[in-house]
Amino acid sequence: MSTDPQQKKTDQAHPLSQSFDTEKLTTYLESKITGFKGPLTAKKFAGGQSNPTYLLQAQSGSYVLRRQPTGTLLKSAHAVDREFRVLKALAHTDVPVAQAYHLCEDPEIIGSMFYVMSYEDGQIFWNPAFPELPKEDRSAYMDELIRILANLHNVNVEAVGLGDYGKPGNYYERQIGLWTKQYRASETSHLPAMERLIEWLPAHCPADDGQVSLVHGDYRLDNVMFKQNQAQGQAVLDWELSTLGHPLADLAYFCMCLRLPAGGHIPGLAGKDLQELSLPDEPSIIKRYCELRGIESISNWHFYLAFSFFRLAAIAQGVLKRALDGNAASDKAMMVGKMTAPLAEMALHIIDTDH
């Protein structure tokens, strides 16, 4: 849940504070990106808790720059180099992505590692109720989200050069360990719900079923850009948490929107009449996904959902810690950080009632 508005609505961009030298950046990019020509201006997209993202407007056109934040970073977090790699790998697949132009690993250019990609002028939706759309159009947009996710999980990772993009072994065991460590590294208070999840999840982790795919790690509505006024994806955004893993992690994470409150920082659909909104319910989403992937059914769904809420809670805690340390990329970071405990409680509710 990095909530970075990567290329999300240019009207939310604001003038860049002088955190890096745009003339130096211009000279560098002219030497690295074919056809790039300055001068350039840079505007930072509003919001974003993780990797600061900028709209670059140059004489040669518009681009997007995504960089690591400054300050002390948690190990393995803010891996913009991994984002760049996966964008390059997916360029010729059925998963829509921006064009990746250049990765700069030299922190001397702007103060941290960054990459530049194409600017995609599409449409972003923030509310899964799709209030902007006529009722009769909403199901097509939701179906496109499911279709793109199934296409992602059907990508042949060896064929696109991502066979070593993740570690071997039980994905969920690794992820539980990783996010427990990340949570401990950013812990600011004792949260009983998180403690119970840290105990429950490893004890109920399903046996490894051998499923391995490229997973996005933050697959939700506002990380998919649609073509203007079309139920067709233009670019999947924000690949920071991508890896090789279990595909149902993405599906469960996507379905969290059905359980998140409608008025929260991340809008959800809890309590909404989905039929009235012309939107599919959770069983319908799962059925459609299974159809697209040739899967008969899904077992241990409650575990996958509970893990998704736990991981999102751990991410929110990391945002809070960065805010308290003064390194957060958004003034909304404190609001996001306060989601940790409620998200953990939602996970416990799933454990106690959904199976």
Protein backbone atom coordinates (compact mmCIF):
# COMPACT_ATOMS: atom_id res chain seq x y z
CA MET A 1 0.00 0.00 0.00
CA SER A 2 2.58 2.53 -0.96
CA THR A 3 -0.25 4.68 -2.39
CA ASP A 4 2.20 6.42 -4.71
CA PRO A 5 0.33 8.34 -7.41
CA GLN A 6 2.76 7.13 -10.06
CA GLN A 7 1.59 9.05 -13.10
CA LYS A 8 -1.76 9.53 -11.33
CA LYS A 9 -3.53 12.69 -12.46
CA THR A 10 -1.20 15.47 -13.47
CA ASP A 11 -3.45 18.08 -11.87
CA GLN A 12 -2.28 16.72 -8.53
CA ALA A 13 1.33 17.56 -9.29
CA HIS A 14 2.88 20.58 -7.66
CA PRO A 15 6.14 22.48 -8.23
CA LEU A 16 9.20 20.57 -7.10
CA SER A 17 11.05 21.83 -4.08
CA GLN A 18 14.74 22.22 -4.87
CA SER A 19 15.62 18.72 -3.76
CA PHE A 20 17.72 18.08 -6.87
CA ASP A 21 19.42 19.98 -9.66
CA THR A 22 17.19 19.88 -12.76
CA GLU A 23 19.98 21.21 -15.02
CA LYS A 24 22.27 18.40 -13.93
CA LEU A 25 19.44 15.91 -14.46
CA THR A 26 18.75 17.32 -17.92
CA THR A 27 22.37 16.90 -19.03
CA TYR A 28 22.42 13.36 -17.66
CA LEU A 29 19.17 12.25 -19.32
CA GLU A 30 20.16 13.75 -22.67
CA SER A 31 23.15 11.41 -22.61
CA LYS A 32 21.14 8.33 -21.55
CA ILE A 33 17.71 8.45 -23.22
CA THR A 34 17.50 8.50 -27.00
CA GLY A 35 15.70 11.62 -28.18
CA PHE A 36 15.52 13.25 -24.76
CA LYS A 37 15.98 17.01 -25.02
CA GLY A 38 15.82 19.68 -22.33
CA PRO A 39 15.31 22.00 -20.72
CA LEU A 40 13.00 20.24 -18.29
CA THR A 41 10.72 21.15 -15.44
CA ALA A 42 9.84 18.74 -12.63
CA LYS A 43 6.70 18.52 -10.55
CA LYS A 44 6.21 16.12 -7.68
CA PHE A 45 2.96 14.22 -7.66
CA ALA A 46 0.91 14.93 -4.54
CA GLY A 47 0.55 12.12 -2.03
CA GLY A 48 2.61 8.97 -2.02
CA GLN A 49 4.08 7.30 1.02
CA SER A 50 6.90 5.32 -0.54
CA ASN A 51 8.86 6.28 -3.65
CA PRO A 52 8.54 9.98 -4.57
CA THR A 53 7.35 10.35 -8.16
CA TYR A 54 7.72 13.32 -10.50
CA LEU A 55 6.30 14.52 -13.79
CA LEU A 56 9.15 15.65 -16.05
CA GLN A 57 8.18 17.98 -18.88
CA ALA A 58 10.96 18.44 -21.39
CA GLN A 59 11.24 19.86 -24.88
CA SER A 60 11.09 16.27 -26.16
CA GLY A 61 7.89 15.42 -24.27
CA SER A 62 6.59 14.26 -20.89
CA TYR A 63 8.20 11.57 -18.74
CA VAL A 64 7.85 10.18 -15.23
CA LEU A 65 10.74 9.89 -12.77
CA ARG A 66 10.48 7.62 -9.74
CA ARG A 67 13.16 7.73 -7.05
CA GLN A 68 14.06 6.25 -3.70
CA PRO A 69 13.27 8.55 -0.77
CA THR A 70 16.07 10.14 1.20
CA GLY A 71 17.02 9.15 4.74
CA THR A 72 17.57 5.74 6.32
CA LEU A 73 15.64 3.05 4.45
CA LEU A 74 14.45 -0.35 5.60
CA LYS A 75 16.35 -3.21 4.02
CA SER A 76 14.80 -4.39 0.71
CA ALA A 77 12.29 -1.51 0.68
CA HIS A 78 11.99 1.19 -2.03
CA ALA A 79 13.53 -1.08 -4.68
CA VAL A 80 13.06 1.13 -7.72
CA ASP A 81 15.60 -0.98 -9.60
CA ARG A 82 13.26 -3.97 -9.29
CA GLU A 83 10.37 -1.85 -10.58
CA PHE A 84 12.43 -0.88 -13.60
CA ARG A 85 13.38 -4.48 -14.29
CA VAL A 86 9.83 -5.76 -14.21
CA LEU A 87 8.58 -2.96 -16.48
CA LYS A 88 11.22 -3.89 -19.04
CA ALA A 89 10.32 -7.57 -18.77
CA LEU A 90 6.58 -7.01 -19.28
CA ALA A 91 6.97 -4.70 -22.28
CA HIS A 92 5.81 -7.32 -24.79
CA THR A 93 3.26 -9.26 -22.73
CA ASP A 94 -0.52 -8.98 -22.27
CA VAL A 95 0.04 -6.90 -19.13
CA PRO A 96 -0.11 -3.16 -19.95
CA VAL A 97 2.82 -1.17 -18.52
CA ALA A 98 4.61 2.12 -19.08
CA GLN A 99 7.76 2.07 -21.21
CA ALA A 100 10.89 1.92 -19.05
CA TYR A 101 13.62 4.21 -20.45
CA HIS A 102 16.54 4.36 -18.03
CA LEU A 103 17.65 3.28 -14.55
CA CYS A 104 20.22 5.43 -12.73
CA GLU A 105 21.91 3.70 -9.81
CA ASP A 106 24.32 6.60 -9.20
CA PRO A 107 23.06 8.62 -6.19
CA GLU A 108 25.22 11.57 -7.22
CA ILE A 109 22.83 12.64 -9.99
CA ILE A 110 19.79 13.59 -7.87
CA GLY A 111 20.67 12.20 -4.45
CA SER A 112 19.21 8.69 -4.76
CA MET A 113 18.64 5.88 -7.25
CA PHE A 114 15.86 6.58 -9.79
CA TYR A 115 14.40 5.52 -13.10
CA VAL A 116 12.57 7.28 -15.92
CA MET A 117 9.61 5.87 -17.82
CA SER A 118 6.99 7.05 -20.29
CA TYR A 119 4.20 9.32 -19.17
CA GLU A 120 0.87 7.57 -19.73
CA ASP A 121 -2.10 9.88 -20.20
CA GLY A 122 -4.88 7.63 -18.98
CA GLN A 123 -7.69 7.56 -16.44
CA ILE A 124 -7.32 6.62 -12.76
CA PHE A 125 -10.19 5.65 -10.49
CA TRP A 126 -9.84 5.90 -6.71
CA ASN A 127 -13.19 4.61 -5.48
CA PRO A 128 -14.09 0.96 -6.26
CA ALA A 129 -17.75 1.96 -6.38
CA PHE A 130 -16.92 3.79 -9.64
CA PRO A 131 -19.25 6.74 -8.88
CA GLU A 132 -17.96 8.51 -12.01
CA LEU A 133 -19.33 5.79 -14.30
CA PRO A 134 -22.84 4.89 -15.40
CA LYS A 135 -24.06 1.77 -13.62
CA GLU A 136 -24.14 -0.24 -16.83
CA ASP A 137 -20.41 0.37 -17.46
CA ARG A 138 -19.01 -0.55 -14.04
CA SER A 139 -18.93 -4.32 -14.39
CA ALA A 140 -16.82 -4.06 -17.56
CA TYR A 141 -14.17 -2.04 -15.72
CA MET A 142 -14.11 -4.51 -12.85
CA ASP A 143 -13.86 -7.41 -15.29
CA GLU A 144 -10.89 -5.71 -16.96
CA LEU A 145 -9.14 -5.49 -13.59
CA ILE A 146 -9.65 -9.22 -13.07
CA ARG A 147 -8.55 -10.01 -16.64
CA ILE A 148 -5.30 -8.04 -16.28
CA LEU A 149 -4.56 -9.80 -13.00
CA ALA A 150 -5.11 -13.21 -14.57
CA ASN A 151 -2.86 -12.23 -17.51
CA LEU A 152 -0.16 -11.17 -15.06
CA HIS A 153 -0.29 -14.51 -13.29
CA ASN A 154 -0.18 -16.34 -16.62
CA VAL A 155 3.08 -14.65 -17.71
CA ASN A 156 5.86 -17.16 -18.36
CA VAL A 157 8.45 -15.73 -15.98
CA GLU A 158 11.32 -17.71 -17.49
CA ALA A 159 10.49 -16.51 -20.99
CA VAL A 160 10.52 -12.83 -19.95
CA GLY A 161 13.74 -13.12 -17.96
CA LEU A 162 12.27 -13.05 -14.46
CA GLY A 163 12.99 -16.63 -13.44
CA ASP A 164 15.25 -15.38 -10.63
CA TYR A 165 13.00 -12.48 -9.55
CA GLY A 166 12.05 -14.19 -6.29
CA LYS A 167 13.39 -16.73 -3.83
CA PRO A 168 12.51 -20.46 -3.83
CA GLY A 169 10.46 -22.08 -1.09
CA ASN A 170 7.07 -21.42 0.48
CA TYR A 171 6.11 -17.89 -0.52
CA TYR A 172 3.83 -17.30 2.43
CA GLU A 173 6.37 -18.50 4.98
CA ARG A 174 8.89 -16.04 3.53
CA GLN A 175 6.39 -13.21 3.34
CA ILE A 176 5.16 -13.70 6.90
CA GLY A 177 8.76 -13.62 8.07
CA LEU A 178 9.59 -10.58 5.94
CA TRP A 179 6.64 -8.48 7.02
CA THR A 180 7.02 -9.49 10.65
CA LYS A 181 10.61 -8.21 10.50
CA GLN A 182 9.54 -5.06 8.68
CA TYR A 183 6.86 -4.48 11.29
CA ARG A 184 9.32 -5.01 14.14
CA ALA A 185 11.77 -2.60 12.51
CA SER A 186 9.13 0.14 12.39
CA GLU A 187 7.13 -0.73 15.53
CA THR A 188 6.16 2.32 17.59
CA SER A 189 3.67 0.82 20.08
CA HIS A 190 2.37 -2.54 21.28
CA LEU A 191 -0.61 -3.70 19.19
CA PRO A 192 -2.25 -6.90 20.51
CA ALA A 193 -3.96 -7.64 17.17
CA MET A 194 -0.63 -7.61 15.33
CA GLU A 195 0.90 -9.84 17.98
CA ARG A 196 -1.86 -12.41 17.55
CA LEU A 197 -1.47 -12.38 13.77
CA ILE A 198 2.29 -12.82 14.06
CA GLU A 199 1.56 -15.95 16.08
CA TRP A 200 -1.43 -17.26 14.08
CA LEU A 201 -0.24 -16.86 10.49
CA PRO A 202 2.87 -19.11 10.63
CA ALA A 203 0.87 -21.79 12.47
CA HIS A 204 -1.82 -21.87 9.76
CA CYS A 205 0.26 -21.37 6.61
CA PRO A 206 -0.97 -23.76 3.88
CA ALA A 207 1.46 -26.30 2.49
CA ASP A 208 3.30 -25.14 -0.62
CA ASP A 209 1.12 -26.12 -3.60
CA GLY A 210 3.79 -25.33 -6.18
CA GLN A 211 2.05 -22.30 -7.69
CA VAL A 212 4.57 -19.63 -8.66
CA SER A 213 3.90 -16.55 -10.74
CA LEU A 214 4.89 -12.93 -11.01
CA VAL A 215 2.87 -11.10 -8.36
CA HIS A 216 2.34 -7.35 -8.30
CA GLY A 217 2.15 -7.00 -4.54
CA ASP A 218 -0.10 -3.90 -4.51
CA TYR A 219 -2.76 -4.73 -7.08
CA ARG A 220 -5.71 -2.44 -6.48
CA LEU A 221 -7.95 -0.06 -8.38
CA ASP A 222 -5.82 3.09 -8.33
CA ASN A 223 -2.71 1.20 -9.43
CA VAL A 224 -4.32 0.40 -12.78
CA MET A 225 -4.61 3.18 -15.35
CA PHE A 226 -7.38 2.83 -17.92
CA LYS A 227 -7.50 4.30 -21.38
CA GLN A 228 -9.58 7.46 -21.43
CA ASN A 229 -13.30 6.57 -21.30
CA GLN A 230 -12.62 2.91 -22.08
CA ALA A 231 -12.81 -0.25 -19.99
CA GLN A 232 -9.35 -1.16 -21.22
CA GLY A 233 -6.18 -1.06 -19.18
CA GLN A 234 -3.41 1.29 -20.28
CA ALA A 235 -0.76 0.71 -17.61
CA VAL A 236 -0.40 -1.15 -14.33
CA LEU A 237 1.49 1.14 -11.95
CA ASP A 238 3.62 0.90 -8.80
CA TRP A 239 5.60 -2.35 -9.03
CA GLU A 240 7.71 -1.75 -5.93
CA LEU A 241 6.44 -4.84 -4.09
CA SER A 242 6.48 -7.20 -7.08
CA THR A 243 8.24 -10.55 -6.84
CA LEU A 244 7.81 -14.20 -7.72
CA GLY A 245 5.23 -15.67 -5.40
CA HIS A 246 1.81 -17.19 -4.97
CA PRO A 247 -0.77 -15.68 -7.33
CA LEU A 248 -3.59 -15.84 -4.78
CA ALA A 249 -1.77 -13.23 -2.72
CA ASP A 250 -2.63 -10.66 -5.39
CA LEU A 251 -6.22 -11.86 -5.72
CA ALA A 252 -6.85 -11.71 -1.97
CA TYR A 253 -5.23 -8.28 -1.76
CA PHE A 254 -7.43 -7.04 -4.59
CA CYS A 255 -10.53 -8.40 -2.84
CA MET A 256 -9.74 -6.49 0.34
CA CYS A 257 -11.58 -3.51 -1.16
CA LEU A 258 -14.84 -5.40 -0.58
CA ARG A 259 -14.14 -5.38 3.17
CA LEU A 260 -12.56 -1.97 3.67
CA PRO A 261 -14.88 0.82 4.88
CA ALA A 262 -16.27 3.14 2.25
CA GLY A 263 -15.17 6.27 4.11
CA GLY A 264 -11.63 5.23 4.90
CA HIS A 265 -8.30 6.60 3.64
CA ILE A 266 -8.37 3.77 1.09
CA PRO A 267 -12.02 3.70 -0.06
CA GLY A 268 -13.69 0.32 0.11
CA LEU A 269 -17.08 -1.27 -0.48
CA ALA A 270 -17.96 -2.63 2.97
CA GLY A 271 -21.66 -2.22 3.64
CA LYS A 272 -22.43 -1.24 0.05
CA ASP A 273 -25.15 -2.92 -2.02
CA LEU A 274 -22.98 -4.41 -4.76
CA GLN A 275 -25.95 -5.49 -6.83
CA GLU A 276 -27.32 -1.96 -6.76
CA LEU A 277 -23.89 -0.68 -7.83
CA SER A 278 -23.74 -3.28 -10.63
CA LEU A 279 -20.50 -4.68 -9.20
CA PRO A 280 -19.52 -8.32 -8.61
CA ASP A 281 -19.32 -9.74 -5.10
CA GLU A 282 -16.35 -11.70 -3.78
CA PRO A 283 -17.53 -15.16 -4.94
CA SER A 284 -18.17 -13.74 -8.43
CA ILE A 285 -14.70 -12.17 -8.60
CA ILE A 286 -13.10 -15.44 -7.50
CA LYS A 287 -15.16 -17.43 -10.02
CA ARG A 288 -14.20 -15.11 -12.89
CA TYR A 289 -10.52 -15.22 -11.95
CA CYS A 290 -10.60 -19.03 -11.78
CA GLU A 291 -12.24 -19.17 -15.22
CA LEU A 292 -9.54 -16.97 -16.72
CA ARG A 293 -6.74 -19.05 -15.19
CA GLY A 294 -8.27 -22.49 -15.61
CA ILE A 295 -8.55 -23.12 -11.86
CA GLU A 296 -11.40 -25.18 -10.41
CA SER A 297 -11.57 -23.70 -6.91
CA ILE A 298 -9.58 -21.99 -4.16
CA SER A 299 -8.88 -23.47 -0.73
CA ASN A 300 -7.70 -21.61 2.40
CA TRP A 301 -9.22 -18.34 1.20
CA HIS A 302 -9.54 -17.03 4.78
CA PHE A 303 -5.78 -17.42 5.27
CA TYR A 304 -4.96 -15.51 2.07
CA LEU A 305 -7.28 -12.67 3.09
CA ALA A 306 -5.98 -12.52 6.66
CA PHE A 307 -2.39 -12.42 5.42
CA SER A 308 -3.25 -9.58 3.02
CA PHE A 309 -4.67 -7.47 5.85
CA PHE A 310 -1.64 -8.27 8.02
CA ARG A 311 0.79 -7.25 5.31
CA LEU A 312 -1.09 -4.03 4.60
CA ALA A 313 -1.03 -3.28 8.33
CA ALA A 314 2.74 -3.83 8.41
CA ILE A 315 3.18 -1.50 5.43
CA ALA A 316 1.04 1.16 7.12
CA GLN A 317 3.23 0.87 10.21
CA GLY A 318 6.30 1.50 8.07
CA VAL A 319 4.66 4.64 6.69
CA LEU A 320 3.98 5.82 10.25
CA LYS A 321 7.58 5.24 11.30
CA ARG A 322 8.89 7.21 8.32
CA ALA A 323 6.48 10.02 9.18
CA LEU A 324 7.68 10.13 12.77
CA ASP A 325 11.28 10.10 11.54
CA GLY A 326 10.58 12.92 9.08
CA ASN A 327 11.23 10.82 5.97
CA ALA A 328 7.69 10.28 4.68
CA ALA A 329 6.89 11.41 1.14
CA SER A 330 3.40 12.64 1.99
CA ASP A 331 1.67 14.80 4.54
CA LYS A 332 -0.98 12.09 4.75
CA ALA A 333 1.52 9.59 6.13
CA MET A 334 0.30 9.94 9.72
CA MET A 335 -3.26 9.18 8.59
CA VAL A 336 -2.06 6.06 6.79
CA GLY A 337 -0.04 4.96 9.82
CA LYS A 338 -3.13 5.05 12.01
CA MET A 339 -4.63 2.30 9.83
CA THR A 340 -2.30 -0.36 11.27
CA ALA A 341 -4.45 -1.43 14.23
CA PRO A 342 -7.82 -1.38 12.39
CA LEU A 343 -6.38 -3.46 9.54
CA ALA A 344 -5.02 -6.02 11.98
CA GLU A 345 -8.43 -6.21 13.64
CA MET A 346 -10.04 -6.87 10.24
CA ALA A 347 -7.65 -9.78 9.75
CA LEU A 348 -8.62 -11.23 13.12
CA HIS A 349 -12.31 -10.91 12.23
CA ILE A 350 -11.70 -12.95 9.06
CA ILE A 351 -9.85 -15.61 11.07
CA ASP A 352 -12.63 -15.84 13.66
CA THR A 353 -15.67 -15.75 11.37
CA ASP A 354 -14.86 -16.66 7.76
CA HIS A 355 -14.11 -20.37 7.99
